[in-house]
Amino acid sequence: MRCLNFYKRGVKAVKMDEISQGLHVSKRTVYEIFGDKEELLLAGMMRQLEENRSKLENFAKTQAKNVIDIISYVYKLQMERNGMVGVLFYEEVHKMPRVVKFFQENHAHEREESVRFFEAGVKEGLFRKDVDFNVVMDIGHVMMEEIMHHQLYRVHSMQEIYDNYILCLIRGFCTERGLEQLDRALKE
C-alpha cells in the first residue's frame, strides 16, 4: 500500500472507489480489510516506514563509512518524501487520532535509536562530546510539534524548514571534522 496519492492530494481527496480500483478489488473488500481510510493510511505508512528502515539499514551496512554518510542519506530520503507531500496532508493527518498515536509511538522508538546513533558519532569523532543528545532529541521533538501545530509548512516549504532548522541543529553538534564531512556529503 503506497501513500503517494494521500501525500500529494490529501487524505479526504482520495476516494475509496479509486483506491479499490487501484488495488483491483471491490470497495467492500477494502473496507473489510482496512475498516476505514485512516486504517488504510496507517497500513501504508507502516509499510513505508519499514521499507525506509530497510533501505537505511542496507545503506548503513553496504555504503556508509560513518554517521555523517547516514545523516546525509536520511536527509536526502526525507527531502525526496517532503517534495511529494502537499499541505493538505499535513493539515488532515494531525486530526486523525490513530495516525497521531502512530507518530508518537514511532517517535519513542526512533528516539532511542537516535541517541545511540549520536553516541556512535561521538566515538567516531564527528559529533561533540559536550552535547547531551537526550536534550537535543527532546527539544527537536517539541520544535517539530510546534512547527506542525503552527502550520509553518504553509509559510515555508518543508525543504526550507529542514535546511534552516534541522541542518543548523545537526551542524551545531558536529565537530570540525564532522562539519567538513557533512558539507561534502550534502553536496554529493
N, C-alpha and C. Protein backbone atom coordinates (compact mmCIF):
# COMPACT_ATOMS: atom_id res chain seq x y z
N MET A 1 0.85 -1.18 0.00
CA MET A 1 0.00 0.00 0.00
C MET A 1 0.89 1.24 0.00
N ARG A 2 0.75 2.05 -0.98
CA ARG A 2 1.52 3.29 -1.12
C ARG A 2 0.68 4.46 -0.64
N CYS A 3 1.34 5.47 -0.13
CA CYS A 3 0.67 6.66 0.41
C CYS A 3 0.76 7.85 -0.53
N LEU A 4 1.33 7.67 -1.70
CA LEU A 4 1.64 8.79 -2.58
C LEU A 4 0.42 9.67 -2.87
N ASN A 5 -0.71 9.08 -3.22
CA ASN A 5 -1.90 9.89 -3.50
C ASN A 5 -2.36 10.66 -2.26
N PHE A 6 -2.30 10.02 -1.10
CA PHE A 6 -2.65 10.71 0.14
C PHE A 6 -1.71 11.90 0.36
N TYR A 7 -0.41 11.66 0.17
CA TYR A 7 0.58 12.71 0.37
C TYR A 7 0.35 13.89 -0.56
N LYS A 8 0.15 13.60 -1.84
CA LYS A 8 0.02 14.66 -2.84
C LYS A 8 -1.28 15.44 -2.72
N ARG A 9 -2.39 14.71 -2.56
CA ARG A 9 -3.70 15.35 -2.68
C ARG A 9 -4.41 15.57 -1.36
N GLY A 10 -3.94 14.93 -0.30
CA GLY A 10 -4.64 14.98 0.97
C GLY A 10 -5.48 13.73 1.13
N VAL A 11 -5.78 13.38 2.36
CA VAL A 11 -6.49 12.14 2.65
C VAL A 11 -7.94 12.20 2.16
N LYS A 12 -8.60 13.30 2.43
CA LYS A 12 -10.02 13.41 2.05
C LYS A 12 -10.24 13.35 0.54
N ALA A 13 -9.29 13.88 -0.21
CA ALA A 13 -9.45 13.94 -1.67
C ALA A 13 -9.35 12.57 -2.34
N VAL A 14 -8.69 11.63 -1.69
CA VAL A 14 -8.54 10.29 -2.26
C VAL A 14 -9.77 9.48 -1.87
N LYS A 15 -10.49 9.05 -2.87
CA LYS A 15 -11.76 8.33 -2.65
C LYS A 15 -11.52 6.83 -2.59
N MET A 16 -12.34 6.16 -1.80
CA MET A 16 -12.23 4.70 -1.66
C MET A 16 -12.48 4.00 -3.00
N ASP A 17 -13.29 4.58 -3.87
CA ASP A 17 -13.53 3.98 -5.19
C ASP A 17 -12.22 3.87 -5.98
N GLU A 18 -11.45 4.95 -5.99
CA GLU A 18 -10.20 4.91 -6.75
C GLU A 18 -9.17 4.01 -6.08
N ILE A 19 -9.21 3.92 -4.75
CA ILE A 19 -8.31 3.01 -4.05
C ILE A 19 -8.64 1.57 -4.43
N SER A 20 -9.92 1.22 -4.39
CA SER A 20 -10.31 -0.15 -4.73
C SER A 20 -9.97 -0.47 -6.18
N GLN A 21 -10.16 0.49 -7.08
CA GLN A 21 -9.79 0.27 -8.49
C GLN A 21 -8.29 0.06 -8.63
N GLY A 22 -7.52 0.86 -7.92
CA GLY A 22 -6.06 0.73 -7.98
C GLY A 22 -5.57 -0.60 -7.43
N LEU A 23 -6.29 -1.13 -6.45
CA LEU A 23 -5.93 -2.42 -5.86
C LEU A 23 -6.56 -3.60 -6.59
N HIS A 24 -7.46 -3.28 -7.52
CA HIS A 24 -8.18 -4.30 -8.31
C HIS A 24 -9.03 -5.22 -7.42
N VAL A 25 -9.68 -4.58 -6.46
CA VAL A 25 -10.63 -5.29 -5.59
C VAL A 25 -11.85 -4.40 -5.42
N SER A 26 -12.90 -4.97 -4.87
CA SER A 26 -14.11 -4.17 -4.65
C SER A 26 -13.90 -3.22 -3.48
N LYS A 27 -14.70 -2.16 -3.48
CA LYS A 27 -14.64 -1.21 -2.37
C LYS A 27 -15.00 -1.92 -1.06
N ARG A 28 -15.94 -2.82 -1.14
CA ARG A 28 -16.34 -3.59 0.04
C ARG A 28 -15.15 -4.36 0.62
N THR A 29 -14.36 -4.96 -0.25
CA THR A 29 -13.18 -5.70 0.19
C THR A 29 -12.19 -4.77 0.91
N VAL A 30 -12.01 -3.59 0.37
CA VAL A 30 -11.11 -2.61 1.00
C VAL A 30 -11.62 -2.31 2.41
N TYR A 31 -12.93 -2.07 2.54
CA TYR A 31 -13.49 -1.77 3.87
C TYR A 31 -13.39 -2.98 4.80
N GLU A 32 -13.56 -4.20 4.27
CA GLU A 32 -13.45 -5.39 5.10
C GLU A 32 -12.03 -5.57 5.64
N ILE A 33 -11.05 -5.25 4.81
CA ILE A 33 -9.66 -5.43 5.21
C ILE A 33 -9.19 -4.30 6.13
N PHE A 34 -9.54 -3.07 5.77
CA PHE A 34 -8.98 -1.92 6.49
C PHE A 34 -9.97 -1.20 7.40
N GLY A 35 -11.23 -1.38 7.20
CA GLY A 35 -12.21 -0.71 8.05
C GLY A 35 -12.55 0.70 7.60
N ASP A 36 -11.53 1.54 7.51
CA ASP A 36 -11.77 2.92 7.07
C ASP A 36 -10.48 3.49 6.46
N LYS A 37 -10.58 4.69 5.96
CA LYS A 37 -9.46 5.32 5.26
C LYS A 37 -8.27 5.56 6.18
N GLU A 38 -8.53 5.90 7.42
CA GLU A 38 -7.43 6.14 8.36
C GLU A 38 -6.62 4.86 8.57
N GLU A 39 -7.31 3.74 8.69
CA GLU A 39 -6.63 2.46 8.88
C GLU A 39 -5.82 2.09 7.63
N LEU A 40 -6.37 2.39 6.48
CA LEU A 40 -5.67 2.16 5.21
C LEU A 40 -4.41 3.03 5.14
N LEU A 41 -4.54 4.29 5.49
CA LEU A 41 -3.39 5.19 5.52
C LEU A 41 -2.33 4.68 6.49
N LEU A 42 -2.76 4.26 7.66
CA LEU A 42 -1.81 3.73 8.66
C LEU A 42 -1.06 2.52 8.11
N ALA A 43 -1.76 1.63 7.45
CA ALA A 43 -1.11 0.45 6.88
C ALA A 43 -0.04 0.88 5.87
N GLY A 44 -0.39 1.85 5.03
CA GLY A 44 0.58 2.35 4.05
C GLY A 44 1.76 3.01 4.71
N MET A 45 1.50 3.80 5.74
CA MET A 45 2.59 4.49 6.44
C MET A 45 3.51 3.50 7.15
N MET A 46 2.93 2.47 7.75
CA MET A 46 3.74 1.45 8.42
C MET A 46 4.62 0.71 7.42
N ARG A 47 4.03 0.37 6.29
CA ARG A 47 4.81 -0.33 5.26
C ARG A 47 5.93 0.57 4.75
N GLN A 48 5.64 1.83 4.51
CA GLN A 48 6.66 2.74 4.02
C GLN A 48 7.77 2.92 5.06
N LEU A 49 7.40 3.01 6.32
CA LEU A 49 8.39 3.13 7.39
C LEU A 49 9.33 1.92 7.39
N GLU A 50 8.76 0.74 7.27
CA GLU A 50 9.58 -0.48 7.24
C GLU A 50 10.49 -0.51 6.01
N GLU A 51 9.96 -0.08 4.86
CA GLU A 51 10.78 -0.02 3.65
C GLU A 51 11.93 0.97 3.83
N ASN A 52 11.64 2.12 4.43
CA ASN A 52 12.69 3.12 4.66
C ASN A 52 13.73 2.62 5.66
N ARG A 53 13.29 1.94 6.69
CA ARG A 53 14.24 1.38 7.66
C ARG A 53 15.13 0.34 6.99
N SER A 54 14.52 -0.47 6.14
CA SER A 54 15.28 -1.49 5.43
C SER A 54 16.31 -0.85 4.49
N LYS A 55 15.90 0.19 3.76
CA LYS A 55 16.83 0.92 2.89
C LYS A 55 17.98 1.50 3.70
N LEU A 56 17.64 2.09 4.84
CA LEU A 56 18.65 2.72 5.69
C LEU A 56 19.63 1.68 6.24
N GLU A 57 19.11 0.56 6.71
CA GLU A 57 19.98 -0.50 7.23
C GLU A 57 20.90 -1.02 6.13
N ASN A 58 20.35 -1.21 4.95
CA ASN A 58 21.15 -1.69 3.83
C ASN A 58 22.24 -0.67 3.47
N PHE A 59 21.86 0.61 3.42
CA PHE A 59 22.85 1.66 3.14
C PHE A 59 23.93 1.68 4.20
N ALA A 60 23.53 1.61 5.47
CA ALA A 60 24.49 1.66 6.57
C ALA A 60 25.47 0.49 6.50
N LYS A 61 24.99 -0.68 6.11
CA LYS A 61 25.85 -1.87 6.04
C LYS A 61 26.74 -1.90 4.80
N THR A 62 26.23 -1.38 3.69
CA THR A 62 26.94 -1.57 2.42
C THR A 62 27.68 -0.35 1.90
N GLN A 63 27.23 0.87 2.27
CA GLN A 63 27.82 2.05 1.66
C GLN A 63 28.36 3.09 2.64
N ALA A 64 27.73 3.21 3.79
CA ALA A 64 28.11 4.26 4.74
C ALA A 64 29.47 3.97 5.37
N LYS A 65 30.29 5.01 5.43
CA LYS A 65 31.58 4.89 6.10
C LYS A 65 31.50 5.38 7.54
N ASN A 66 30.49 6.24 7.82
CA ASN A 66 30.37 6.83 9.15
C ASN A 66 28.96 7.40 9.34
N VAL A 67 28.72 8.03 10.49
CA VAL A 67 27.39 8.56 10.80
C VAL A 67 27.00 9.73 9.89
N ILE A 68 27.98 10.46 9.41
CA ILE A 68 27.68 11.59 8.52
C ILE A 68 27.09 11.08 7.21
N ASP A 69 27.62 9.99 6.69
CA ASP A 69 27.05 9.40 5.48
C ASP A 69 25.59 9.02 5.72
N ILE A 70 25.32 8.50 6.89
CA ILE A 70 23.95 8.08 7.21
C ILE A 70 23.03 9.30 7.34
N ILE A 71 23.49 10.34 8.01
CA ILE A 71 22.69 11.56 8.14
C ILE A 71 22.38 12.13 6.75
N SER A 72 23.38 12.16 5.91
CA SER A 72 23.19 12.69 4.56
C SER A 72 22.16 11.85 3.79
N TYR A 73 22.25 10.55 3.91
CA TYR A 73 21.31 9.65 3.24
C TYR A 73 19.89 9.87 3.75
N VAL A 74 19.73 9.95 5.07
CA VAL A 74 18.41 10.17 5.67
C VAL A 74 17.85 11.52 5.21
N TYR A 75 18.70 12.52 5.20
CA TYR A 75 18.28 13.86 4.77
C TYR A 75 17.77 13.80 3.32
N LYS A 76 18.50 13.16 2.46
CA LYS A 76 18.09 13.07 1.05
C LYS A 76 16.78 12.30 0.89
N LEU A 77 16.61 11.21 1.64
CA LEU A 77 15.34 10.46 1.61
C LEU A 77 14.19 11.35 2.08
N GLN A 78 14.43 12.10 3.15
CA GLN A 78 13.39 12.96 3.70
C GLN A 78 13.03 14.08 2.73
N MET A 79 14.02 14.64 2.07
CA MET A 79 13.74 15.71 1.10
C MET A 79 12.95 15.16 -0.08
N GLU A 80 13.26 13.95 -0.48
CA GLU A 80 12.50 13.30 -1.56
C GLU A 80 11.04 13.13 -1.14
N ARG A 81 10.83 12.66 0.08
CA ARG A 81 9.47 12.47 0.59
C ARG A 81 8.76 13.81 0.75
N ASN A 82 9.46 14.79 1.31
CA ASN A 82 8.85 16.11 1.52
C ASN A 82 8.39 16.73 0.21
N GLY A 83 9.11 16.47 -0.87
CA GLY A 83 8.74 17.00 -2.17
C GLY A 83 7.43 16.42 -2.69
N MET A 84 7.03 15.29 -2.14
CA MET A 84 5.79 14.64 -2.57
C MET A 84 4.58 15.01 -1.72
N VAL A 85 4.82 15.61 -0.56
CA VAL A 85 3.74 15.83 0.40
C VAL A 85 3.17 17.24 0.26
N GLY A 86 1.86 17.30 0.09
CA GLY A 86 1.19 18.59 -0.01
C GLY A 86 0.71 19.09 1.34
N VAL A 87 0.37 20.35 1.40
CA VAL A 87 -0.07 21.00 2.64
C VAL A 87 -1.31 20.32 3.21
N LEU A 88 -2.25 19.92 2.36
CA LEU A 88 -3.48 19.29 2.85
C LEU A 88 -3.21 18.04 3.67
N PHE A 89 -2.23 17.26 3.26
CA PHE A 89 -1.90 16.05 4.00
C PHE A 89 -1.51 16.40 5.43
N TYR A 90 -0.62 17.38 5.59
CA TYR A 90 -0.20 17.77 6.93
C TYR A 90 -1.38 18.25 7.77
N GLU A 91 -2.27 19.01 7.16
CA GLU A 91 -3.42 19.52 7.90
C GLU A 91 -4.35 18.40 8.34
N GLU A 92 -4.61 17.48 7.46
CA GLU A 92 -5.58 16.42 7.76
C GLU A 92 -5.04 15.35 8.69
N VAL A 93 -3.80 14.99 8.53
CA VAL A 93 -3.26 13.85 9.26
C VAL A 93 -3.20 14.11 10.77
N HIS A 94 -3.04 15.36 11.16
CA HIS A 94 -2.97 15.65 12.60
C HIS A 94 -4.34 15.68 13.27
N LYS A 95 -5.39 15.44 12.51
CA LYS A 95 -6.73 15.33 13.06
C LYS A 95 -7.16 13.87 13.15
N MET A 96 -6.24 12.96 12.86
CA MET A 96 -6.54 11.53 12.85
C MET A 96 -5.88 10.88 14.07
N PRO A 97 -6.68 10.50 15.07
CA PRO A 97 -6.10 10.04 16.34
C PRO A 97 -5.20 8.81 16.23
N ARG A 98 -5.54 7.86 15.37
CA ARG A 98 -4.69 6.67 15.25
C ARG A 98 -3.38 6.99 14.56
N VAL A 99 -3.41 7.91 13.61
CA VAL A 99 -2.18 8.33 12.95
C VAL A 99 -1.31 9.10 13.92
N VAL A 100 -1.90 9.99 14.70
CA VAL A 100 -1.14 10.74 15.70
C VAL A 100 -0.50 9.78 16.70
N LYS A 101 -1.25 8.79 17.14
CA LYS A 101 -0.71 7.79 18.08
C LYS A 101 0.46 7.05 17.44
N PHE A 102 0.33 6.68 16.18
CA PHE A 102 1.41 6.02 15.44
C PHE A 102 2.66 6.90 15.42
N PHE A 103 2.49 8.20 15.13
CA PHE A 103 3.62 9.13 15.12
C PHE A 103 4.29 9.16 16.50
N GLN A 104 3.48 9.21 17.56
CA GLN A 104 4.02 9.29 18.91
C GLN A 104 4.80 8.02 19.27
N GLU A 105 4.23 6.86 18.95
CA GLU A 105 4.91 5.60 19.25
C GLU A 105 6.19 5.46 18.44
N ASN A 106 6.13 5.87 17.19
CA ASN A 106 7.30 5.79 16.33
C ASN A 106 8.39 6.74 16.84
N HIS A 107 7.99 7.91 17.31
CA HIS A 107 8.96 8.85 17.85
C HIS A 107 9.70 8.24 19.03
N ALA A 108 8.99 7.57 19.92
CA ALA A 108 9.63 6.96 21.10
C ALA A 108 10.66 5.92 20.66
N HIS A 109 10.32 5.13 19.66
CA HIS A 109 11.26 4.11 19.15
C HIS A 109 12.46 4.78 18.48
N GLU A 110 12.21 5.77 17.65
CA GLU A 110 13.29 6.44 16.94
C GLU A 110 14.19 7.23 17.88
N ARG A 111 13.63 7.71 18.97
CA ARG A 111 14.42 8.48 19.93
C ARG A 111 15.55 7.63 20.50
N GLU A 112 15.22 6.41 20.90
CA GLU A 112 16.23 5.51 21.46
C GLU A 112 17.32 5.22 20.43
N GLU A 113 16.91 4.91 19.20
CA GLU A 113 17.87 4.64 18.13
C GLU A 113 18.73 5.87 17.84
N SER A 114 18.12 7.03 17.86
CA SER A 114 18.84 8.27 17.55
C SER A 114 19.90 8.58 18.59
N VAL A 115 19.59 8.39 19.85
CA VAL A 115 20.58 8.67 20.90
C VAL A 115 21.78 7.72 20.74
N ARG A 116 21.52 6.45 20.44
CA ARG A 116 22.63 5.50 20.20
C ARG A 116 23.45 5.94 18.98
N PHE A 117 22.74 6.41 17.96
CA PHE A 117 23.40 6.89 16.74
C PHE A 117 24.31 8.07 17.06
N PHE A 118 23.80 9.02 17.84
CA PHE A 118 24.61 10.19 18.20
C PHE A 118 25.83 9.78 19.03
N GLU A 119 25.64 8.83 19.93
CA GLU A 119 26.77 8.34 20.72
C GLU A 119 27.84 7.71 19.83
N ALA A 120 27.41 7.01 18.78
CA ALA A 120 28.36 6.44 17.82
C ALA A 120 29.11 7.56 17.11
N GLY A 121 28.42 8.65 16.79
CA GLY A 121 29.06 9.80 16.15
C GLY A 121 30.11 10.44 17.04
N VAL A 122 29.87 10.45 18.35
CA VAL A 122 30.86 10.97 19.30
C VAL A 122 32.10 10.07 19.26
N LYS A 123 31.88 8.76 19.29
CA LYS A 123 33.01 7.81 19.25
C LYS A 123 33.81 7.94 17.96
N GLU A 124 33.13 8.27 16.87
CA GLU A 124 33.82 8.45 15.58
C GLU A 124 34.53 9.80 15.50
N GLY A 125 34.31 10.67 16.49
CA GLY A 125 34.94 11.98 16.50
C GLY A 125 34.25 12.98 15.57
N LEU A 126 33.02 12.69 15.16
CA LEU A 126 32.28 13.56 14.24
C LEU A 126 31.25 14.42 14.96
N PHE A 127 30.84 14.01 16.16
CA PHE A 127 29.91 14.77 16.97
C PHE A 127 30.60 15.18 18.27
N ARG A 128 30.22 16.32 18.79
CA ARG A 128 30.83 16.86 20.00
C ARG A 128 30.49 16.00 21.23
N LYS A 129 31.45 15.89 22.12
CA LYS A 129 31.27 15.12 23.36
C LYS A 129 30.43 15.88 24.39
N ASP A 130 30.43 17.20 24.32
CA ASP A 130 29.81 18.02 25.35
C ASP A 130 28.31 18.25 25.13
N VAL A 131 27.72 17.55 24.18
CA VAL A 131 26.29 17.72 23.89
C VAL A 131 25.51 16.59 24.52
N ASP A 132 24.42 16.94 25.20
CA ASP A 132 23.51 15.93 25.77
C ASP A 132 22.45 15.65 24.71
N PHE A 133 22.59 14.53 24.04
CA PHE A 133 21.70 14.23 22.92
C PHE A 133 20.28 13.91 23.34
N ASN A 134 20.07 13.57 24.60
CA ASN A 134 18.70 13.42 25.10
C ASN A 134 17.99 14.77 25.07
N VAL A 135 18.71 15.81 25.47
CA VAL A 135 18.15 17.17 25.43
C VAL A 135 17.89 17.58 23.98
N VAL A 136 18.84 17.31 23.10
CA VAL A 136 18.68 17.64 21.68
C VAL A 136 17.43 16.97 21.12
N MET A 137 17.24 15.70 21.44
CA MET A 137 16.07 14.97 20.93
C MET A 137 14.77 15.54 21.50
N ASP A 138 14.76 15.85 22.79
CA ASP A 138 13.55 16.41 23.40
C ASP A 138 13.17 17.76 22.78
N ILE A 139 14.16 18.63 22.65
CA ILE A 139 13.89 19.95 22.08
C ILE A 139 13.51 19.82 20.61
N GLY A 140 14.21 18.98 19.87
CA GLY A 140 13.88 18.77 18.46
C GLY A 140 12.46 18.28 18.27
N HIS A 141 12.03 17.37 19.13
CA HIS A 141 10.67 16.84 19.05
C HIS A 141 9.63 17.94 19.31
N VAL A 142 9.86 18.72 20.36
CA VAL A 142 8.95 19.81 20.69
C VAL A 142 8.90 20.83 19.54
N MET A 143 10.05 21.14 18.99
CA MET A 143 10.09 22.10 17.88
C MET A 143 9.31 21.60 16.67
N MET A 144 9.47 20.33 16.33
CA MET A 144 8.72 19.80 15.18
C MET A 144 7.23 19.79 15.46
N GLU A 145 6.83 19.49 16.69
CA GLU A 145 5.41 19.56 17.04
C GLU A 145 4.89 20.98 16.87
N GLU A 146 5.66 21.95 17.30
CA GLU A 146 5.25 23.35 17.18
C GLU A 146 5.22 23.81 15.72
N ILE A 147 6.17 23.35 14.94
CA ILE A 147 6.17 23.66 13.50
C ILE A 147 4.88 23.17 12.88
N MET A 148 4.48 21.95 13.23
CA MET A 148 3.25 21.38 12.67
C MET A 148 2.02 22.08 13.26
N HIS A 149 2.03 22.32 14.57
CA HIS A 149 0.89 22.96 15.22
C HIS A 149 0.63 24.36 14.65
N HIS A 150 1.69 25.10 14.42
CA HIS A 150 1.55 26.46 13.90
C HIS A 150 1.50 26.51 12.37
N GLN A 151 1.51 25.33 11.77
CA GLN A 151 1.39 25.18 10.31
C GLN A 151 2.42 26.02 9.56
N LEU A 152 3.64 25.99 10.02
CA LEU A 152 4.69 26.74 9.34
C LEU A 152 4.95 26.22 7.94
N TYR A 153 4.52 24.97 7.66
CA TYR A 153 4.65 24.41 6.32
C TYR A 153 3.80 25.16 5.30
N ARG A 154 2.85 25.98 5.78
CA ARG A 154 2.06 26.82 4.87
C ARG A 154 2.86 28.05 4.42
N VAL A 155 3.76 28.49 5.29
CA VAL A 155 4.56 29.68 5.02
C VAL A 155 5.90 29.30 4.37
N HIS A 156 6.49 28.22 4.86
CA HIS A 156 7.80 27.76 4.39
C HIS A 156 7.67 26.31 3.95
N SER A 157 8.35 25.95 2.90
CA SER A 157 8.34 24.54 2.47
C SER A 157 9.06 23.70 3.51
N MET A 158 8.78 22.41 3.50
CA MET A 158 9.50 21.52 4.42
C MET A 158 10.98 21.51 4.09
N GLN A 159 11.33 21.71 2.83
CA GLN A 159 12.74 21.82 2.45
C GLN A 159 13.38 22.99 3.20
N GLU A 160 12.70 24.15 3.21
CA GLU A 160 13.23 25.33 3.92
C GLU A 160 13.33 25.07 5.42
N ILE A 161 12.32 24.41 5.97
CA ILE A 161 12.32 24.12 7.41
C ILE A 161 13.48 23.20 7.76
N TYR A 162 13.68 22.17 6.97
CA TYR A 162 14.79 21.25 7.23
C TYR A 162 16.13 21.95 7.05
N ASP A 163 16.27 22.71 5.97
CA ASP A 163 17.55 23.37 5.71
C ASP A 163 17.88 24.42 6.76
N ASN A 164 16.88 25.13 7.25
CA ASN A 164 17.12 26.24 8.16
C ASN A 164 16.96 25.88 9.63
N TYR A 165 16.42 24.71 9.92
CA TYR A 165 16.33 24.30 11.32
C TYR A 165 17.10 23.00 11.57
N ILE A 166 16.69 21.93 10.91
CA ILE A 166 17.29 20.62 11.17
C ILE A 166 18.78 20.62 10.84
N LEU A 167 19.15 21.13 9.67
CA LEU A 167 20.58 21.13 9.31
C LEU A 167 21.39 22.05 10.23
N CYS A 168 20.81 23.15 10.65
CA CYS A 168 21.52 24.03 11.60
C CYS A 168 21.74 23.30 12.93
N LEU A 169 20.74 22.58 13.36
CA LEU A 169 20.85 21.80 14.60
C LEU A 169 21.95 20.75 14.47
N ILE A 170 21.93 20.02 13.37
CA ILE A 170 22.95 18.98 13.15
C ILE A 170 24.35 19.61 13.10
N ARG A 171 24.47 20.71 12.38
CA ARG A 171 25.77 21.38 12.28
C ARG A 171 26.27 21.81 13.67
N GLY A 172 25.35 22.15 14.55
CA GLY A 172 25.71 22.61 15.89
C GLY A 172 26.35 21.53 16.75
N PHE A 173 26.04 20.27 16.52
CA PHE A 173 26.66 19.24 17.34
C PHE A 173 27.78 18.49 16.62
N CYS A 174 28.11 18.92 15.42
CA CYS A 174 29.25 18.33 14.69
C CYS A 174 30.56 18.93 15.17
N THR A 175 31.60 18.12 15.15
CA THR A 175 32.95 18.63 15.35
C THR A 175 33.39 19.28 14.03
N GLU A 176 34.55 19.90 14.03
CA GLU A 176 35.05 20.50 12.78
C GLU A 176 35.17 19.44 11.69
N ARG A 177 35.70 18.29 12.05
CA ARG A 177 35.82 17.18 11.09
C ARG A 177 34.44 16.73 10.62
N GLY A 178 33.49 16.68 11.54
CA GLY A 178 32.13 16.30 11.19
C GLY A 178 31.50 17.30 10.23
N LEU A 179 31.74 18.59 10.47
CA LEU A 179 31.22 19.63 9.58
C LEU A 179 31.77 19.50 8.16
N GLU A 180 33.06 19.26 8.07
CA GLU A 180 33.68 19.09 6.75
C GLU A 180 33.03 17.93 6.00
N GLN A 181 32.86 16.81 6.70
CA GLN A 181 32.27 15.64 6.05
C GLN A 181 30.79 15.87 5.73
N LEU A 182 30.08 16.58 6.60
CA LEU A 182 28.67 16.86 6.34
C LEU A 182 28.52 17.74 5.10
N ASP A 183 29.30 18.78 5.01
CA ASP A 183 29.24 19.67 3.84
C ASP A 183 29.55 18.90 2.56
N ARG A 184 30.55 18.04 2.62
CA ARG A 184 30.92 17.24 1.45
C ARG A 184 29.80 16.25 1.09
N ALA A 185 29.23 15.58 2.09
CA ALA A 185 28.20 14.58 1.85
C ALA A 185 26.93 15.19 1.28
N LEU A 186 26.56 16.37 1.74
CA LEU A 186 25.33 17.01 1.25
C LEU A 186 25.48 17.55 -0.16
N LYS A 187 26.71 17.79 -0.59
CA LYS A 187 26.94 18.27 -1.95
C LYS A 187 26.86 17.15 -2.98
N GLU A 188 27.10 15.94 -2.53
CA GLU A 188 27.11 14.78 -3.45
C GLU A 188 25.73 14.45 -3.95
